[in-house]
PDB file of N, CA and C in Angstrom:
ATOM      1  N   UNK A   1     -91.909  49.695  46.279  1.00  0.00           N
ATOM      2  CA  UNK A   1     -92.779  50.779  46.682  1.00  0.00           C
ATOM      3  C   UNK A   1     -92.169  52.133  46.319  1.00  0.00           C
ATOM      4  N   UNK A   2     -90.852  52.261  46.477  1.00  0.00           N
ATOM      5  CA  UNK A   2     -90.196  53.520  46.130  1.00  0.00           C
ATOM      6  C   UNK A   2     -90.294  53.805  44.634  1.00  0.00           C
ATOM      7  N   UNK A   3     -90.114  52.766  43.825  1.00  0.00           N
ATOM      8  CA  UNK A   3     -90.182  52.939  42.372  1.00  0.00           C
ATOM      9  C   UNK A   3     -91.609  53.291  41.958  1.00  0.00           C
ATOM     10  N   UNK A   4     -92.599  52.622  42.539  1.00  0.00           N
ATOM     11  CA  UNK A   4     -93.994  52.912  42.219  1.00  0.00           C
ATOM     12  C   UNK A   4     -94.339  54.350  42.593  1.00  0.00           C
ATOM     13  N   UNK A   5     -93.910  54.786  43.759  1.00  0.00           N
ATOM     14  CA  UNK A   5     -94.163  56.159  44.195  1.00  0.00           C
ATOM     15  C   UNK A   5     -93.483  57.157  43.259  1.00  0.00           C
ATOM     16  N   UNK A   6     -92.238  56.871  42.886  1.00  0.00           N
ATOM     17  CA  UNK A   6     -91.494  57.733  41.966  1.00  0.00           C
ATOM     18  C   UNK A   6     -92.214  57.831  40.623  1.00  0.00           C
ATOM     19  N   UNK A   7     -92.621  56.683  40.073  1.00  0.00           N
ATOM     20  CA  UNK A   7     -93.285  56.666  38.774  1.00  0.00           C
ATOM     21  C   UNK A   7     -94.639  57.377  38.824  1.00  0.00           C
ATOM     22  N   UNK A   8     -95.373  57.192  39.912  1.00  0.00           N
ATOM     23  CA  UNK A   8     -96.656  57.870  40.074  1.00  0.00           C
ATOM     24  C   UNK A   8     -96.467  59.378  40.053  1.00  0.00           C
ATOM     25  N   UNK A   9     -95.473  59.855  40.794  1.00  0.00           N
ATOM     26  CA  UNK A   9     -95.179  61.288  40.849  1.00  0.00           C
ATOM     27  C   UNK A   9     -94.695  61.800  39.500  1.00  0.00           C
ATOM     28  N   UNK A  10     -93.791  61.055  38.865  1.00  0.00           N
ATOM     29  CA  UNK A  10     -93.243  61.479  37.567  1.00  0.00           C
ATOM     30  C   UNK A  10     -94.335  61.559  36.507  1.00  0.00           C
ATOM     31  N   UNK A  11     -95.227  60.583  36.492  1.00  0.00           N
ATOM     32  CA  UNK A  11     -96.316  60.599  35.513  1.00  0.00           C
ATOM     33  C   UNK A  11     -97.240  61.784  35.757  1.00  0.00           C
ATOM     34  N   UNK A  12     -97.550  62.047  37.006  1.00  0.00           N
ATOM     35  CA  UNK A  12     -98.428  63.176  37.346  1.00  0.00           C
ATOM     36  C   UNK A  12     -97.794  64.500  36.929  1.00  0.00           C
ATOM     37  N   UNK A  13     -96.481  64.631  37.105  1.00  0.00           N
ATOM     38  CA  UNK A  13     -95.787  65.860  36.739  1.00  0.00           C
ATOM     39  C   UNK A  13     -95.869  66.137  35.238  1.00  0.00           C
ATOM     40  N   UNK A  14     -96.006  65.067  34.456  1.00  0.00           N
ATOM     41  CA  UNK A  14     -96.052  65.200  32.999  1.00  0.00           C
ATOM     42  C   UNK A  14     -97.470  64.999  32.455  1.00  0.00           C
ATOM     43  N   UNK A  15     -98.461  65.121  33.339  1.00  0.00           N
ATOM     44  CA  UNK A  15     -99.872  64.965  32.951  1.00  0.00           C
ATOM     45  C   UNK A  15    -100.149  63.634  32.258  1.00  0.00           C
ATOM     46  N   UNK A  16     -99.503  62.586  32.725  1.00  0.00           N
ATOM     47  CA  UNK A  16     -99.733  61.237  32.207  1.00  0.00           C
ATOM     48  C   UNK A  16    -100.547  60.460  33.236  1.00  0.00           C
ATOM     49  N   UNK A  17    -101.433  59.605  32.761  1.00  0.00           N
ATOM     50  CA  UNK A  17    -102.277  58.845  33.662  1.00  0.00           C
ATOM     51  C   UNK A  17    -102.313  57.369  33.261  1.00  0.00           C
ATOM     52  N   UNK A  18    -101.144  56.686  33.279  1.00  0.00           N
ATOM     53  CA  UNK A  18    -101.133  55.273  32.898  1.00  0.00           C
ATOM     54  C   UNK A  18    -101.591  54.383  34.052  1.00  0.00           C
ATOM     55  N   UNK A  19    -101.852  53.129  33.727  1.00  0.00           N
ATOM     56  CA  UNK A  19    -102.064  52.119  34.760  1.00  0.00           C
ATOM     57  C   UNK A  19    -100.676  51.652  35.182  1.00  0.00           C
ATOM     58  N   UNK A  20    -100.363  51.743  36.461  1.00  0.00           N
ATOM     59  CA  UNK A  20     -99.087  51.259  36.987  1.00  0.00           C
ATOM     60  C   UNK A  20     -99.386  49.984  37.766  1.00  0.00           C
ATOM     61  N   UNK A  21     -98.848  48.862  37.303  1.00  0.00           N
ATOM     62  CA  UNK A  21     -99.177  47.562  37.873  1.00  0.00           C
ATOM     63  C   UNK A  21     -97.902  46.895  38.365  1.00  0.00           C
ATOM     64  N   UNK A  22     -97.872  46.567  39.651  1.00  0.00           N
ATOM     65  CA  UNK A  22     -96.711  45.893  40.222  1.00  0.00           C
ATOM     66  C   UNK A  22     -96.998  44.411  40.377  1.00  0.00           C
ATOM     67  N   UNK A  23     -95.967  43.602  40.237  1.00  0.00           N
ATOM     68  CA  UNK A  23     -96.095  42.166  40.438  1.00  0.00           C
ATOM     69  C   UNK A  23     -94.739  41.593  40.794  1.00  0.00           C
ATOM     70  N   UNK A  24     -94.753  40.355  41.247  1.00  0.00           N
ATOM     71  CA  UNK A  24     -93.522  39.661  41.600  1.00  0.00           C
ATOM     72  C   UNK A  24     -93.214  39.759  43.080  1.00  0.00           C
ATOM     73  N   UNK A  25     -92.264  38.945  43.503  1.00  0.00           N
ATOM     74  CA  UNK A  25     -91.832  38.922  44.900  1.00  0.00           C
ATOM     75  C   UNK A  25     -90.321  38.764  44.965  1.00  0.00           C
ATOM     76  N   UNK A  26     -89.769  39.069  46.121  1.00  0.00           N
ATOM     77  CA  UNK A  26     -88.328  38.901  46.321  1.00  0.00           C
ATOM     78  C   UNK A  26     -87.528  39.724  45.338  1.00  0.00           C
ATOM     79  N   UNK A  27     -86.535  39.093  44.725  1.00  0.00           N
ATOM     80  CA  UNK A  27     -85.679  39.776  43.760  1.00  0.00           C
ATOM     81  C   UNK A  27     -86.302  39.924  42.389  1.00  0.00           C
ATOM     82  N   UNK A  28     -87.476  39.332  42.188  1.00  0.00           N
ATOM     83  CA  UNK A  28     -88.152  39.386  40.899  1.00  0.00           C
ATOM     84  C   UNK A  28     -89.391  40.255  41.019  1.00  0.00           C
ATOM     85  N   UNK A  29     -89.203  41.553  40.934  1.00  0.00           N
ATOM     86  CA  UNK A  29     -90.317  42.492  41.030  1.00  0.00           C
ATOM     87  C   UNK A  29     -90.385  43.307  39.753  1.00  0.00           C
ATOM     88  N   UNK A  30     -91.609  43.512  39.292  1.00  0.00           N
ATOM     89  CA  UNK A  30     -91.805  44.177  38.009  1.00  0.00           C
ATOM     90  C   UNK A  30     -92.791  45.328  38.149  1.00  0.00           C
ATOM     91  N   UNK A  31     -92.641  46.295  37.280  1.00  0.00           N
ATOM     92  CA  UNK A  31     -93.590  47.395  37.185  1.00  0.00           C
ATOM     93  C   UNK A  31     -93.992  47.506  35.723  1.00  0.00           C
ATOM     94  N   UNK A  32     -95.272  47.289  35.460  1.00  0.00           N
ATOM     95  CA  UNK A  32     -95.805  47.443  34.108  1.00  0.00           C
ATOM     96  C   UNK A  32     -96.454  48.815  34.009  1.00  0.00           C
ATOM     97  N   UNK A  33     -96.144  49.531  32.954  1.00  0.00           N
ATOM     98  CA  UNK A  33     -96.752  50.828  32.684  1.00  0.00           C
ATOM     99  C   UNK A  33     -97.599  50.640  31.431  1.00  0.00           C
ATOM    100  N   UNK A  34     -98.922  50.690  31.631  1.00  0.00           N
ATOM    101  CA  UNK A  34     -99.861  50.366  30.561  1.00  0.00           C
ATOM    102  C   UNK A  34    -100.747  51.573  30.275  1.00  0.00           C
ATOM    103  N   UNK A  35    -101.069  51.769  29.027  1.00  0.00           N
ATOM    104  CA  UNK A  35    -101.969  52.854  28.649  1.00  0.00           C
ATOM    105  C   UNK A  35    -103.256  52.767  29.456  1.00  0.00           C
ATOM    106  N   UNK A  36    -103.747  53.897  29.899  1.00  0.00           N
ATOM    107  CA  UNK A  36    -104.995  53.931  30.655  1.00  0.00           C
ATOM    108  C   UNK A  36    -106.188  53.555  29.774  1.00  0.00           C
ATOM    109  N   UNK A  37    -105.992  53.594  28.466  1.00  0.00           N
ATOM    110  CA  UNK A  37    -107.069  53.272  27.539  1.00  0.00           C
ATOM    111  C   UNK A  37    -106.902  51.903  26.910  1.00  0.00           C
ATOM    112  N   UNK A  38    -105.954  51.140  27.388  1.00  0.00           N
ATOM    113  CA  UNK A  38    -105.729  49.821  26.812  1.00  0.00           C
ATOM    114  C   UNK A  38    -105.039  48.913  27.792  1.00  0.00           C
ATOM    115  N   UNK A  39    -104.858  47.689  27.409  1.00  0.00           N
ATOM    116  CA  UNK A  39    -104.216  46.700  28.257  1.00  0.00           C
ATOM    117  C   UNK A  39    -104.675  45.309  27.850  1.00  0.00           C
ATOM    118  N   UNK A  40    -104.396  44.345  28.687  1.00  0.00           N
ATOM    119  CA  UNK A  40    -104.723  42.963  28.349  1.00  0.00           C
ATOM    120  C   UNK A  40    -106.223  42.719  28.258  1.00  0.00           C
ATOM    121  N   UNK A  41    -107.005  43.297  29.162  1.00  0.00           N
ATOM    122  CA  UNK A  41    -108.451  43.105  29.098  1.00  0.00           C
ATOM    123  C   UNK A  41    -109.017  43.719  27.827  1.00  0.00           C
ATOM    124  N   UNK A  42    -108.602  44.923  27.507  1.00  0.00           N
ATOM    125  CA  UNK A  42    -109.083  45.588  26.302  1.00  0.00           C
ATOM    126  C   UNK A  42    -108.669  44.808  25.048  1.00  0.00           C
ATOM    127  N   UNK A  43    -107.458  44.256  25.067  1.00  0.00           N
ATOM    128  CA  UNK A  43    -106.994  43.448  23.934  1.00  0.00           C
ATOM    129  C   UNK A  43    -107.807  42.167  23.813  1.00  0.00           C
ATOM    130  N   UNK A  44    -108.065  41.523  24.936  1.00  0.00           N
ATOM    131  CA  UNK A  44    -108.882  40.304  24.947  1.00  0.00           C
ATOM    132  C   UNK A  44    -110.271  40.594  24.390  1.00  0.00           C
ATOM    133  N   UNK A  45    -110.889  41.674  24.845  1.00  0.00           N
ATOM    134  CA  UNK A  45    -112.223  42.038  24.375  1.00  0.00           C
ATOM    135  C   UNK A  45    -112.222  42.363  22.883  1.00  0.00           C
ATOM    136  N   UNK A  46    -111.185  43.030  22.410  1.00  0.00           N
ATOM    137  CA  UNK A  46    -111.088  43.369  20.992  1.00  0.00           C
ATOM    138  C   UNK A  46    -111.033  42.107  20.136  1.00  0.00           C
ATOM    139  N   UNK A  47    -110.129  41.186  20.492  1.00  0.00           N
ATOM    140  CA  UNK A  47    -109.975  39.951  19.715  1.00  0.00           C
ATOM    141  C   UNK A  47    -111.234  39.092  19.817  1.00  0.00           C
ATOM    142  N   UNK A  48    -111.801  38.977  21.020  1.00  0.00           N
ATOM    143  CA  UNK A  48    -113.013  38.186  21.226  1.00  0.00           C
ATOM    144  C   UNK A  48    -114.145  38.711  20.350  1.00  0.00           C
ATOM    145  N   UNK A  49    -114.325  40.020  20.347  1.00  0.00           N
ATOM    146  CA  UNK A  49    -115.381  40.643  19.551  1.00  0.00           C
ATOM    147  C   UNK A  49    -115.100  40.500  18.055  1.00  0.00           C
ATOM    148  N   UNK A  50    -113.857  40.707  17.651  1.00  0.00           N
ATOM    149  CA  UNK A  50    -113.484  40.627  16.231  1.00  0.00           C
ATOM    150  C   UNK A  50    -113.759  39.242  15.657  1.00  0.00           C
ATOM    151  N   UNK A  51    -113.578  38.192  16.471  1.00  0.00           N
ATOM    152  CA  UNK A  51    -113.799  36.828  16.002  1.00  0.00           C
ATOM    153  C   UNK A  51    -115.174  36.295  16.366  1.00  0.00           C
ATOM    154  N   UNK A  52    -116.002  37.134  16.979  1.00  0.00           N
ATOM    155  CA  UNK A  52    -117.365  36.734  17.294  1.00  0.00           C
ATOM    156  C   UNK A  52    -117.491  35.681  18.376  1.00  0.00           C
ATOM    157  N   UNK A  53    -116.564  35.660  19.315  1.00  0.00           N
ATOM    158  CA  UNK A  53    -116.593  34.682  20.403  1.00  0.00           C
ATOM    159  C   UNK A  53    -117.423  35.251  21.554  1.00  0.00           C
ATOM    160  N   UNK A  54    -118.420  34.479  21.991  1.00  0.00           N
ATOM    161  CA  UNK A  54    -119.268  34.905  23.107  1.00  0.00           C
ATOM    162  C   UNK A  54    -118.460  34.928  24.400  1.00  0.00           C
ATOM    163  N   UNK A  55    -118.833  35.813  25.324  1.00  0.00           N
ATOM    164  CA  UNK A  55    -118.123  35.938  26.601  1.00  0.00           C
ATOM    165  C   UNK A  55    -118.093  34.606  27.345  1.00  0.00           C
ATOM    166  N   UNK A  56    -119.198  33.862  27.319  1.00  0.00           N
ATOM    167  CA  UNK A  56    -119.250  32.599  28.062  1.00  0.00           C
ATOM    168  C   UNK A  56    -118.395  31.506  27.435  1.00  0.00           C
ATOM    169  N   UNK A  57    -117.811  31.759  26.276  1.00  0.00           N
ATOM    170  CA  UNK A  57    -116.913  30.789  25.634  1.00  0.00           C
ATOM    171  C   UNK A  57    -115.458  31.248  25.661  1.00  0.00           C
ATOM    172  N   UNK A  58    -115.185  32.283  26.437  1.00  0.00           N
ATOM    173  CA  UNK A  58    -113.842  32.870  26.490  1.00  0.00           C
ATOM    174  C   UNK A  58    -113.283  32.748  27.909  1.00  0.00           C
ATOM    175  N   UNK A  59    -112.023  32.349  28.012  1.00  0.00           N
ATOM    176  CA  UNK A  59    -111.364  32.217  29.306  1.00  0.00           C
ATOM    177  C   UNK A  59    -110.046  32.988  29.270  1.00  0.00           C
ATOM    178  N   UNK A  60    -109.836  33.809  30.273  1.00  0.00           N
ATOM    179  CA  UNK A  60    -108.564  34.521  30.410  1.00  0.00           C
ATOM    180  C   UNK A  60    -107.694  33.750  31.404  1.00  0.00           C
ATOM    181  N   UNK A  61    -106.431  33.598  31.093  1.00  0.00           N
ATOM    182  CA  UNK A  61    -105.499  32.911  31.989  1.00  0.00           C
ATOM    183  C   UNK A  61    -104.346  33.853  32.307  1.00  0.00           C
ATOM    184  N   UNK A  62    -103.948  33.881  33.565  1.00  0.00           N
ATOM    185  CA  UNK A  62    -102.847  34.745  33.954  1.00  0.00           C
ATOM    186  C   UNK A  62    -102.152  34.236  35.195  1.00  0.00           C
ATOM    187  N   UNK A  63    -100.933  34.711  35.396  1.00  0.00           N
ATOM    188  CA  UNK A  63    -100.141  34.207  36.512  1.00  0.00           C
ATOM    189  C   UNK A  63     -99.476  35.298  37.340  1.00  0.00           C
ATOM    190  N   UNK A  64     -99.846  36.556  37.101  1.00  0.00           N
ATOM    191  CA  UNK A  64     -99.115  37.613  37.774  1.00  0.00           C
ATOM    192  C   UNK A  64    -100.004  38.833  37.992  1.00  0.00           C
ATOM    193  N   UNK A  65     -99.493  39.765  38.776  1.00  0.00           N
ATOM    194  CA  UNK A  65    -100.232  40.975  39.071  1.00  0.00           C
ATOM    195  C   UNK A  65    -100.600  41.779  37.844  1.00  0.00           C
ATOM    196  N   UNK A  66     -99.801  41.654  36.792  1.00  0.00           N
ATOM    197  CA  UNK A  66    -100.109  42.410  35.586  1.00  0.00           C
ATOM    198  C   UNK A  66    -101.277  41.806  34.806  1.00  0.00           C
ATOM    199  N   UNK A  67    -101.824  40.696  35.299  1.00  0.00           N
ATOM    200  CA  UNK A  67    -102.974  40.064  34.666  1.00  0.00           C
ATOM    201  C   UNK A  67    -104.283  40.348  35.405  1.00  0.00           C
ATOM    202  N   UNK A  68    -104.211  41.019  36.547  1.00  0.00           N
ATOM    203  CA  UNK A  68    -105.378  41.227  37.403  1.00  0.00           C
ATOM    204  C   UNK A  68    -106.532  41.884  36.665  1.00  0.00           C
ATOM    205  N   UNK A  69    -106.272  42.933  35.913  1.00  0.00           N
ATOM    206  CA  UNK A  69    -107.351  43.625  35.203  1.00  0.00           C
ATOM    207  C   UNK A  69    -108.026  42.710  34.192  1.00  0.00           C
ATOM    208  N   UNK A  70    -107.237  41.910  33.478  1.00  0.00           N
ATOM    209  CA  UNK A  70    -107.790  40.982  32.494  1.00  0.00           C
ATOM    210  C   UNK A  70    -108.622  39.895  33.191  1.00  0.00           C
ATOM    211  N   UNK A  71    -108.130  39.401  34.303  1.00  0.00           N
ATOM    212  CA  UNK A  71    -108.822  38.339  35.026  1.00  0.00           C
ATOM    213  C   UNK A  71    -110.118  38.827  35.663  1.00  0.00           C
ATOM    214  N   UNK A  72    -110.239  40.129  35.852  1.00  0.00           N
ATOM    215  CA  UNK A  72    -111.437  40.704  36.476  1.00  0.00           C
ATOM    216  C   UNK A  72    -112.504  41.077  35.457  1.00  0.00           C
ATOM    217  N   UNK A  73    -112.307  40.722  34.192  1.00  0.00           N
ATOM    218  CA  UNK A  73    -113.278  41.045  33.152  1.00  0.00           C
ATOM    219  C   UNK A  73    -114.531  40.183  33.247  1.00  0.00           C
ATOM    220  N   UNK A  74    -115.423  40.330  32.284  1.00  0.00           N
ATOM    221  CA  UNK A  74    -116.686  39.579  32.240  1.00  0.00           C
ATOM    222  C   UNK A  74    -116.463  38.092  31.997  1.00  0.00           C
ATOM    223  N   UNK A  75    -115.360  37.748  31.346  1.00  0.00           N
ATOM    224  CA  UNK A  75    -115.074  36.371  30.990  1.00  0.00           C
ATOM    225  C   UNK A  75    -114.686  35.528  32.200  1.00  0.00           C
ATOM    226  N   UNK A  76    -114.710  34.222  32.020  1.00  0.00           N
ATOM    227  CA  UNK A  76    -114.193  33.327  33.060  1.00  0.00           C
ATOM    228  C   UNK A  76    -112.696  33.540  33.153  1.00  0.00           C
ATOM    229  N   UNK A  77    -112.135  33.204  34.314  1.00  0.00           N
ATOM    230  CA  UNK A  77    -110.708  33.448  34.510  1.00  0.00           C
ATOM    231  C   UNK A  77    -110.058  32.271  35.234  1.00  0.00           C
ATOM    232  N   UNK A  78    -108.805  32.010  34.871  1.00  0.00           N
ATOM    233  CA  UNK A  78    -108.001  30.977  35.527  1.00  0.00           C
ATOM    234  C   UNK A  78    -106.676  31.594  35.919  1.00  0.00           C
ATOM    235  N   UNK A  79    -106.319  31.426  37.171  1.00  0.00           N
ATOM    236  CA  UNK A  79    -105.004  31.865  37.639  1.00  0.00           C
ATOM    237  C   UNK A  79    -104.100  30.641  37.597  1.00  0.00           C
ATOM    238  N   UNK A  80    -102.981  30.769  36.870  1.00  0.00           N
ATOM    239  CA  UNK A  80    -102.061  29.635  36.721  1.00  0.00           C
ATOM    240  C   UNK A  80    -100.776  29.856  37.475  1.00  0.00           C
TER     241      UNK A  80
END
């Protein structure tokens, strides 16, 4: 929580607006700093569209907090 608060403040001071995503538990905690205009969902949509794959034929799989945005997309989702 302290690191997330620090990063939020530091980004605001420099007029940055990234997605800050925390995940993990115990001694394994992570902070992902992702462009506000991109990320796993945007990448999935780009590749899906580029290859002409319909949304109903696409499944996103993820296992961590940094996958939440991708799993919340229009596509089906599996948490592993």
